[in-house]
Amino acid sequence: MKMRSHGRGICFTFLATALVVATVGGTDTASASAEEVQLQAIGSLAAAHIYTSYGYVGVTADGLVAKTFTAKQVIELMSEVDDMLTMNMEALQKVSSSVSGDDRQFVDDLINIYQMVKKETLALTTYARTEKAEDAAAFEKSRKSIWPYLKQTLGIE
């Protein structure tokens, strides 16, 4: 069994950029406090990062299937992505303790999605190492399980 191509390409970059504009543009920054502006920046950057990371993992999987990337390259790329995910997740965990209400829920939801994408990178790494059908299926299952949470948290319709 081969993994199927996701065919998402450049759409992710465009949508992530639109997401940042929509998130930051949602509040009049002239009347917002410095703390609110900082939270907006943190939220929009984290949202854009998790969205593009999810897309990047998919594009990398497509590259592996198309033989554009070798297994070794995919393993190295996923290690780098995992490191960035960990760094951002840890930073958000620090922020989470200092916010409340909807802001805290949003940050906690992003942390949850970061954890899911980390599992996805591990699943892709495993498939790259083994090329076994069951590992391809595990990657697909992981990938598909993330989208509903990402879509809901980021307000993607």
N, C-alpha and C. Protein backbone atom coordinates (compact mmCIF):
# COMPACT_ATOMS: atom_id res chain seq x y z
N MET A 1 0.84 -1.17 0.00
CA MET A 1 0.00 0.00 0.00
C MET A 1 0.89 1.24 0.00
N LYS A 2 0.56 2.19 -0.81
CA LYS A 2 1.28 3.46 -0.86
C LYS A 2 0.43 4.54 -0.20
N MET A 3 1.10 5.54 0.36
CA MET A 3 0.37 6.68 0.87
C MET A 3 -0.11 7.48 -0.34
N ARG A 4 -1.27 8.06 -0.19
CA ARG A 4 -1.77 8.86 -1.31
C ARG A 4 -1.29 10.29 -1.18
N SER A 5 -1.17 10.94 -2.29
CA SER A 5 -0.74 12.33 -2.32
C SER A 5 -1.87 13.21 -1.79
N HIS A 6 -1.51 14.27 -1.08
CA HIS A 6 -2.50 15.17 -0.49
C HIS A 6 -2.83 16.34 -1.39
N GLY A 7 -1.97 16.67 -2.33
CA GLY A 7 -2.22 17.70 -3.33
C GLY A 7 -2.65 19.04 -2.77
N ARG A 8 -2.07 19.50 -1.67
CA ARG A 8 -2.51 20.76 -1.07
C ARG A 8 -1.66 21.94 -1.48
N GLY A 9 -0.38 21.75 -1.75
CA GLY A 9 0.53 22.76 -2.27
C GLY A 9 0.43 24.13 -1.67
N ILE A 10 0.42 25.12 -2.53
CA ILE A 10 0.53 26.52 -2.15
C ILE A 10 -0.70 27.04 -1.41
N CYS A 11 -1.80 26.37 -1.50
CA CYS A 11 -3.03 26.77 -0.82
C CYS A 11 -2.77 27.02 0.67
N PHE A 12 -1.93 26.20 1.30
CA PHE A 12 -1.67 26.36 2.72
C PHE A 12 -1.01 27.70 3.03
N THR A 13 -0.05 28.11 2.23
CA THR A 13 0.63 29.38 2.47
C THR A 13 -0.35 30.53 2.35
N PHE A 14 -1.19 30.51 1.33
CA PHE A 14 -2.16 31.57 1.14
C PHE A 14 -3.14 31.62 2.30
N LEU A 15 -3.67 30.46 2.68
CA LEU A 15 -4.68 30.42 3.73
C LEU A 15 -4.10 30.83 5.06
N ALA A 16 -2.87 30.42 5.35
CA ALA A 16 -2.24 30.81 6.61
C ALA A 16 -2.04 32.33 6.66
N THR A 17 -1.64 32.92 5.56
CA THR A 17 -1.48 34.38 5.51
C THR A 17 -2.83 35.06 5.74
N ALA A 18 -3.87 34.57 5.10
CA ALA A 18 -5.20 35.13 5.30
C ALA A 18 -5.64 34.96 6.74
N LEU A 19 -5.29 33.85 7.35
CA LEU A 19 -5.65 33.58 8.73
C LEU A 19 -5.01 34.61 9.66
N VAL A 20 -3.75 34.92 9.44
CA VAL A 20 -3.07 35.91 10.28
C VAL A 20 -3.73 37.27 10.12
N VAL A 21 -4.01 37.66 8.90
CA VAL A 21 -4.66 38.95 8.66
C VAL A 21 -6.02 38.99 9.34
N ALA A 22 -6.79 37.92 9.23
CA ALA A 22 -8.12 37.88 9.83
C ALA A 22 -8.04 37.90 11.35
N THR A 23 -7.09 37.18 11.92
CA THR A 23 -6.97 37.12 13.37
C THR A 23 -6.54 38.46 13.94
N VAL A 24 -5.52 39.06 13.35
CA VAL A 24 -5.04 40.34 13.85
C VAL A 24 -6.04 41.44 13.54
N GLY A 25 -6.70 41.37 12.40
CA GLY A 25 -7.65 42.39 12.00
C GLY A 25 -8.95 42.36 12.75
N GLY A 26 -9.17 41.35 13.57
CA GLY A 26 -10.45 41.19 14.26
C GLY A 26 -10.69 42.21 15.35
N THR A 27 -9.65 42.87 15.86
CA THR A 27 -9.80 43.83 16.93
C THR A 27 -9.11 45.12 16.53
N ASP A 28 -9.70 46.23 16.85
CA ASP A 28 -9.11 47.53 16.57
C ASP A 28 -7.90 47.71 17.49
N THR A 29 -6.71 47.63 16.93
CA THR A 29 -5.51 47.69 17.74
C THR A 29 -5.29 49.06 18.36
N ALA A 30 -5.90 50.12 17.81
CA ALA A 30 -5.75 51.45 18.39
C ALA A 30 -6.42 51.52 19.76
N SER A 31 -7.52 50.79 19.95
CA SER A 31 -8.22 50.82 21.24
C SER A 31 -7.85 49.65 22.14
N ALA A 32 -7.05 48.72 21.65
CA ALA A 32 -6.66 47.55 22.43
C ALA A 32 -5.48 47.89 23.34
N SER A 33 -5.44 47.24 24.48
CA SER A 33 -4.31 47.44 25.39
C SER A 33 -3.07 46.75 24.81
N ALA A 34 -1.92 47.09 25.36
CA ALA A 34 -0.67 46.47 24.92
C ALA A 34 -0.74 44.96 25.13
N GLU A 35 -1.34 44.54 26.25
CA GLU A 35 -1.46 43.10 26.52
C GLU A 35 -2.35 42.42 25.48
N GLU A 36 -3.45 43.05 25.10
CA GLU A 36 -4.33 42.48 24.08
C GLU A 36 -3.62 42.37 22.74
N VAL A 37 -2.86 43.38 22.38
CA VAL A 37 -2.11 43.36 21.12
C VAL A 37 -1.07 42.23 21.15
N GLN A 38 -0.41 42.05 22.28
CA GLN A 38 0.56 40.96 22.40
C GLN A 38 -0.12 39.60 22.28
N LEU A 39 -1.27 39.45 22.92
CA LEU A 39 -2.01 38.19 22.82
C LEU A 39 -2.47 37.93 21.39
N GLN A 40 -2.90 38.99 20.70
CA GLN A 40 -3.29 38.83 19.30
C GLN A 40 -2.10 38.37 18.46
N ALA A 41 -0.95 38.97 18.69
CA ALA A 41 0.25 38.58 17.94
C ALA A 41 0.64 37.14 18.24
N ILE A 42 0.64 36.77 19.49
CA ILE A 42 0.98 35.40 19.87
C ILE A 42 -0.02 34.43 19.25
N GLY A 43 -1.30 34.74 19.36
CA GLY A 43 -2.33 33.86 18.83
C GLY A 43 -2.26 33.71 17.32
N SER A 44 -2.08 34.83 16.63
CA SER A 44 -2.06 34.74 15.17
C SER A 44 -0.80 34.04 14.66
N LEU A 45 0.34 34.31 15.30
CA LEU A 45 1.57 33.64 14.88
C LEU A 45 1.52 32.14 15.18
N ALA A 46 1.01 31.78 16.35
CA ALA A 46 0.90 30.36 16.69
C ALA A 46 -0.09 29.66 15.77
N ALA A 47 -1.21 30.31 15.48
CA ALA A 47 -2.22 29.71 14.59
C ALA A 47 -1.63 29.51 13.20
N ALA A 48 -0.94 30.52 12.69
CA ALA A 48 -0.33 30.39 11.36
C ALA A 48 0.74 29.31 11.36
N HIS A 49 1.52 29.23 12.42
CA HIS A 49 2.59 28.24 12.48
C HIS A 49 2.03 26.81 12.52
N ILE A 50 1.04 26.58 13.34
CA ILE A 50 0.51 25.22 13.44
C ILE A 50 -0.17 24.81 12.13
N TYR A 51 -0.83 25.77 11.50
CA TYR A 51 -1.48 25.48 10.23
C TYR A 51 -0.46 25.16 9.14
N THR A 52 0.58 25.97 9.05
CA THR A 52 1.59 25.72 8.01
C THR A 52 2.42 24.48 8.34
N SER A 53 2.62 24.19 9.62
CA SER A 53 3.33 22.96 9.99
C SER A 53 2.54 21.74 9.55
N TYR A 54 1.24 21.77 9.78
CA TYR A 54 0.37 20.68 9.34
C TYR A 54 0.49 20.51 7.82
N GLY A 55 0.45 21.61 7.11
CA GLY A 55 0.59 21.56 5.65
C GLY A 55 1.96 21.08 5.22
N TYR A 56 2.99 21.51 5.91
CA TYR A 56 4.36 21.13 5.58
C TYR A 56 4.56 19.63 5.74
N VAL A 57 4.00 19.06 6.79
CA VAL A 57 4.11 17.61 6.98
C VAL A 57 3.43 16.89 5.81
N GLY A 58 2.26 17.38 5.40
CA GLY A 58 1.56 16.78 4.27
C GLY A 58 2.32 16.89 2.96
N VAL A 59 2.90 18.05 2.72
CA VAL A 59 3.68 18.27 1.49
C VAL A 59 4.94 17.39 1.51
N THR A 60 5.54 17.25 2.68
CA THR A 60 6.71 16.38 2.81
C THR A 60 6.33 14.93 2.54
N ALA A 61 5.17 14.51 3.05
CA ALA A 61 4.68 13.15 2.77
C ALA A 61 4.46 12.98 1.27
N ASP A 62 3.89 13.99 0.63
CA ASP A 62 3.70 13.94 -0.82
C ASP A 62 5.04 13.78 -1.52
N GLY A 63 6.06 14.52 -1.04
CA GLY A 63 7.39 14.42 -1.63
C GLY A 63 8.01 13.05 -1.46
N LEU A 64 7.74 12.42 -0.35
CA LEU A 64 8.24 11.06 -0.13
C LEU A 64 7.57 10.09 -1.09
N VAL A 65 6.27 10.20 -1.23
CA VAL A 65 5.53 9.32 -2.13
C VAL A 65 5.98 9.52 -3.58
N ALA A 66 6.22 10.78 -3.95
CA ALA A 66 6.64 11.10 -5.32
C ALA A 66 8.13 10.88 -5.55
N LYS A 67 8.83 10.47 -4.52
CA LYS A 67 10.28 10.24 -4.58
C LYS A 67 11.07 11.54 -4.79
N THR A 68 10.46 12.66 -4.43
CA THR A 68 11.15 13.95 -4.46
C THR A 68 12.09 14.06 -3.27
N PHE A 69 11.68 13.46 -2.15
CA PHE A 69 12.50 13.40 -0.95
C PHE A 69 12.87 11.95 -0.68
N THR A 70 14.08 11.75 -0.20
CA THR A 70 14.48 10.42 0.25
C THR A 70 13.96 10.21 1.68
N ALA A 71 13.97 8.98 2.11
CA ALA A 71 13.56 8.69 3.49
C ALA A 71 14.44 9.45 4.47
N LYS A 72 15.73 9.50 4.20
CA LYS A 72 16.66 10.22 5.08
C LYS A 72 16.30 11.70 5.16
N GLN A 73 15.99 12.31 4.03
CA GLN A 73 15.61 13.73 4.04
C GLN A 73 14.32 13.94 4.83
N VAL A 74 13.35 13.06 4.65
CA VAL A 74 12.08 13.19 5.38
C VAL A 74 12.32 13.07 6.88
N ILE A 75 13.13 12.12 7.28
CA ILE A 75 13.43 11.93 8.70
C ILE A 75 14.09 13.19 9.27
N GLU A 76 15.03 13.77 8.53
CA GLU A 76 15.69 14.99 8.99
C GLU A 76 14.71 16.17 9.05
N LEU A 77 13.89 16.32 8.02
CA LEU A 77 12.91 17.40 8.00
C LEU A 77 11.92 17.28 9.15
N MET A 78 11.45 16.07 9.40
CA MET A 78 10.48 15.88 10.47
C MET A 78 11.11 16.10 11.84
N SER A 79 12.39 15.80 11.98
CA SER A 79 13.09 16.09 13.23
C SER A 79 13.14 17.60 13.47
N GLU A 80 13.42 18.35 12.41
CA GLU A 80 13.46 19.82 12.53
C GLU A 80 12.07 20.37 12.86
N VAL A 81 11.05 19.86 12.18
CA VAL A 81 9.68 20.31 12.45
C VAL A 81 9.30 19.98 13.89
N ASP A 82 9.64 18.78 14.33
CA ASP A 82 9.32 18.37 15.70
C ASP A 82 9.98 19.31 16.71
N ASP A 83 11.23 19.69 16.46
CA ASP A 83 11.92 20.62 17.35
C ASP A 83 11.19 21.97 17.42
N MET A 84 10.76 22.48 16.27
CA MET A 84 10.04 23.76 16.25
C MET A 84 8.70 23.65 16.95
N LEU A 85 8.00 22.53 16.72
CA LEU A 85 6.72 22.31 17.38
C LEU A 85 6.90 22.29 18.89
N THR A 86 7.92 21.60 19.35
CA THR A 86 8.20 21.52 20.79
C THR A 86 8.49 22.89 21.36
N MET A 87 9.33 23.66 20.68
CA MET A 87 9.69 25.00 21.15
C MET A 87 8.44 25.89 21.26
N ASN A 88 7.60 25.89 20.24
CA ASN A 88 6.41 26.73 20.27
C ASN A 88 5.39 26.24 21.28
N MET A 89 5.26 24.93 21.41
CA MET A 89 4.32 24.37 22.37
C MET A 89 4.74 24.75 23.79
N GLU A 90 6.02 24.67 24.09
CA GLU A 90 6.51 25.04 25.41
C GLU A 90 6.29 26.53 25.68
N ALA A 91 6.49 27.37 24.68
CA ALA A 91 6.24 28.81 24.84
C ALA A 91 4.76 29.07 25.11
N LEU A 92 3.88 28.38 24.39
CA LEU A 92 2.45 28.54 24.61
C LEU A 92 2.03 28.03 25.99
N GLN A 93 2.66 26.99 26.48
CA GLN A 93 2.35 26.49 27.82
C GLN A 93 2.66 27.54 28.87
N LYS A 94 3.72 28.31 28.67
CA LYS A 94 4.05 29.40 29.59
C LYS A 94 3.00 30.50 29.53
N VAL A 95 2.52 30.81 28.33
CA VAL A 95 1.50 31.84 28.15
C VAL A 95 0.17 31.39 28.74
N SER A 96 -0.15 30.12 28.58
CA SER A 96 -1.43 29.58 29.02
C SER A 96 -1.71 29.86 30.48
N SER A 97 -0.69 29.79 31.31
CA SER A 97 -0.90 29.99 32.74
C SER A 97 -1.20 31.44 33.11
N SER A 98 -0.96 32.36 32.18
CA SER A 98 -1.16 33.78 32.51
C SER A 98 -2.37 34.40 31.82
N VAL A 99 -3.16 33.59 31.12
CA VAL A 99 -4.37 34.11 30.47
C VAL A 99 -5.58 33.33 30.97
N SER A 100 -6.75 33.86 30.70
CA SER A 100 -7.96 33.19 31.18
C SER A 100 -9.05 33.23 30.12
N GLY A 101 -10.14 32.56 30.41
CA GLY A 101 -11.30 32.58 29.54
C GLY A 101 -11.04 32.03 28.16
N ASP A 102 -11.60 32.72 27.17
CA ASP A 102 -11.46 32.29 25.78
C ASP A 102 -10.01 32.26 25.31
N ASP A 103 -9.20 33.21 25.81
CA ASP A 103 -7.79 33.24 25.43
C ASP A 103 -7.09 31.96 25.89
N ARG A 104 -7.38 31.57 27.11
CA ARG A 104 -6.74 30.34 27.63
C ARG A 104 -7.22 29.12 26.86
N GLN A 105 -8.51 29.08 26.54
CA GLN A 105 -9.04 27.94 25.79
C GLN A 105 -8.39 27.86 24.41
N PHE A 106 -8.21 29.00 23.75
CA PHE A 106 -7.58 29.03 22.44
C PHE A 106 -6.13 28.53 22.53
N VAL A 107 -5.39 29.01 23.51
CA VAL A 107 -4.00 28.59 23.68
C VAL A 107 -3.95 27.09 23.99
N ASP A 108 -4.82 26.63 24.87
CA ASP A 108 -4.84 25.19 25.20
C ASP A 108 -5.21 24.35 23.98
N ASP A 109 -6.13 24.84 23.17
CA ASP A 109 -6.50 24.12 21.94
C ASP A 109 -5.31 24.05 20.98
N LEU A 110 -4.57 25.15 20.85
CA LEU A 110 -3.38 25.14 19.99
C LEU A 110 -2.34 24.16 20.51
N ILE A 111 -2.14 24.13 21.82
CA ILE A 111 -1.19 23.18 22.41
C ILE A 111 -1.61 21.74 22.08
N ASN A 112 -2.89 21.46 22.19
CA ASN A 112 -3.40 20.13 21.86
C ASN A 112 -3.11 19.78 20.40
N ILE A 113 -3.32 20.74 19.51
CA ILE A 113 -3.06 20.49 18.09
C ILE A 113 -1.56 20.33 17.83
N TYR A 114 -0.75 21.13 18.52
CA TYR A 114 0.70 20.94 18.41
C TYR A 114 1.09 19.51 18.78
N GLN A 115 0.51 18.99 19.86
CA GLN A 115 0.81 17.61 20.26
C GLN A 115 0.38 16.61 19.19
N MET A 116 -0.75 16.87 18.57
CA MET A 116 -1.24 15.99 17.51
C MET A 116 -0.32 16.02 16.29
N VAL A 117 0.14 17.21 15.91
CA VAL A 117 1.04 17.33 14.76
C VAL A 117 2.38 16.68 15.07
N LYS A 118 2.83 16.76 16.32
CA LYS A 118 4.06 16.07 16.71
C LYS A 118 3.89 14.56 16.50
N LYS A 119 2.74 14.02 16.85
CA LYS A 119 2.47 12.59 16.62
C LYS A 119 2.45 12.29 15.12
N GLU A 120 1.94 13.23 14.34
CA GLU A 120 1.90 13.06 12.89
C GLU A 120 3.33 13.01 12.32
N THR A 121 4.22 13.89 12.82
CA THR A 121 5.60 13.86 12.33
C THR A 121 6.26 12.53 12.66
N LEU A 122 5.96 12.01 13.84
CA LEU A 122 6.51 10.71 14.23
C LEU A 122 5.97 9.60 13.32
N ALA A 123 4.68 9.67 13.01
CA ALA A 123 4.08 8.66 12.12
C ALA A 123 4.71 8.72 10.73
N LEU A 124 4.96 9.93 10.22
CA LEU A 124 5.60 10.05 8.91
C LEU A 124 7.04 9.55 8.96
N THR A 125 7.75 9.86 10.04
CA THR A 125 9.11 9.37 10.20
C THR A 125 9.14 7.84 10.22
N THR A 126 8.20 7.25 10.93
CA THR A 126 8.13 5.79 10.99
C THR A 126 7.87 5.22 9.60
N TYR A 127 6.94 5.81 8.87
CA TYR A 127 6.66 5.32 7.51
C TYR A 127 7.89 5.49 6.61
N ALA A 128 8.57 6.61 6.73
CA ALA A 128 9.76 6.84 5.90
C ALA A 128 10.82 5.78 6.17
N ARG A 129 10.93 5.36 7.40
CA ARG A 129 11.92 4.34 7.77
C ARG A 129 11.54 2.95 7.26
N THR A 130 10.23 2.63 7.34
CA THR A 130 9.81 1.25 7.07
C THR A 130 9.18 1.03 5.71
N GLU A 131 8.47 2.05 5.21
CA GLU A 131 7.67 1.96 3.98
C GLU A 131 6.64 0.83 4.04
N LYS A 132 6.21 0.49 5.25
CA LYS A 132 5.20 -0.55 5.44
C LYS A 132 3.80 0.04 5.29
N ALA A 133 2.90 -0.77 4.74
CA ALA A 133 1.52 -0.34 4.52
C ALA A 133 0.84 0.08 5.83
N GLU A 134 1.08 -0.67 6.88
CA GLU A 134 0.44 -0.33 8.16
C GLU A 134 0.95 1.00 8.71
N ASP A 135 2.20 1.35 8.42
CA ASP A 135 2.73 2.63 8.86
C ASP A 135 2.18 3.78 8.01
N ALA A 136 1.96 3.50 6.74
CA ALA A 136 1.30 4.51 5.88
C ALA A 136 -0.11 4.76 6.38
N ALA A 137 -0.80 3.69 6.74
CA ALA A 137 -2.17 3.82 7.25
C ALA A 137 -2.19 4.58 8.58
N ALA A 138 -1.21 4.32 9.43
CA ALA A 138 -1.13 5.03 10.71
C ALA A 138 -0.90 6.52 10.49
N PHE A 139 -0.05 6.85 9.51
CA PHE A 139 0.17 8.26 9.19
C PHE A 139 -1.13 8.91 8.70
N GLU A 140 -1.81 8.26 7.78
CA GLU A 140 -3.07 8.80 7.25
C GLU A 140 -4.10 9.00 8.36
N LYS A 141 -4.19 8.04 9.25
CA LYS A 141 -5.14 8.15 10.36
C LYS A 141 -4.79 9.35 11.23
N SER A 142 -3.52 9.51 11.54
CA SER A 142 -3.07 10.64 12.34
C SER A 142 -3.39 11.95 11.64
N ARG A 143 -3.08 12.02 10.36
CA ARG A 143 -3.31 13.24 9.58
C ARG A 143 -4.78 13.62 9.55
N LYS A 144 -5.61 12.64 9.27
CA LYS A 144 -7.05 12.91 9.18
C LYS A 144 -7.66 13.30 10.52
N SER A 145 -7.11 12.78 11.60
CA SER A 145 -7.67 13.09 12.92
C SER A 145 -7.40 14.53 13.34
N ILE A 146 -6.38 15.16 12.80
CA ILE A 146 -6.01 16.53 13.17
C ILE A 146 -6.94 17.56 12.55
N TRP A 147 -7.30 17.36 11.30
CA TRP A 147 -8.01 18.40 10.54
C TRP A 147 -9.26 18.93 11.23
N PRO A 148 -10.15 18.11 11.77
CA PRO A 148 -11.34 18.68 12.42
C PRO A 148 -11.00 19.63 13.58
N TYR A 149 -9.99 19.30 14.36
CA TYR A 149 -9.58 20.16 15.48
C TYR A 149 -8.96 21.45 14.97
N LEU A 150 -8.13 21.34 13.96
CA LEU A 150 -7.48 22.51 13.38
C LEU A 150 -8.54 23.43 12.77
N LYS A 151 -9.44 22.84 12.03
CA LYS A 151 -10.49 23.60 11.37
C LYS A 151 -11.36 24.35 12.40
N GLN A 152 -11.75 23.65 13.44
CA GLN A 152 -12.61 24.26 14.47
C GLN A 152 -11.88 25.36 15.23
N THR A 153 -10.67 25.06 15.65
CA THR A 153 -9.90 26.02 16.46
C THR A 153 -9.58 27.29 15.69
N LEU A 154 -9.24 27.14 14.42
CA LEU A 154 -8.86 28.30 13.61
C LEU A 154 -10.03 28.95 12.89
N GLY A 155 -11.21 28.36 13.02
CA GLY A 155 -12.41 28.94 12.40
C GLY A 155 -12.40 28.83 10.90
N ILE A 156 -11.87 27.74 10.37
CA ILE A 156 -11.81 27.51 8.92
C ILE A 156 -13.10 26.84 8.51
N GLU A 157 -13.74 27.38 7.49
CA GLU A 157 -15.00 26.79 7.02
C GLU A 157 -14.81 26.00 5.77
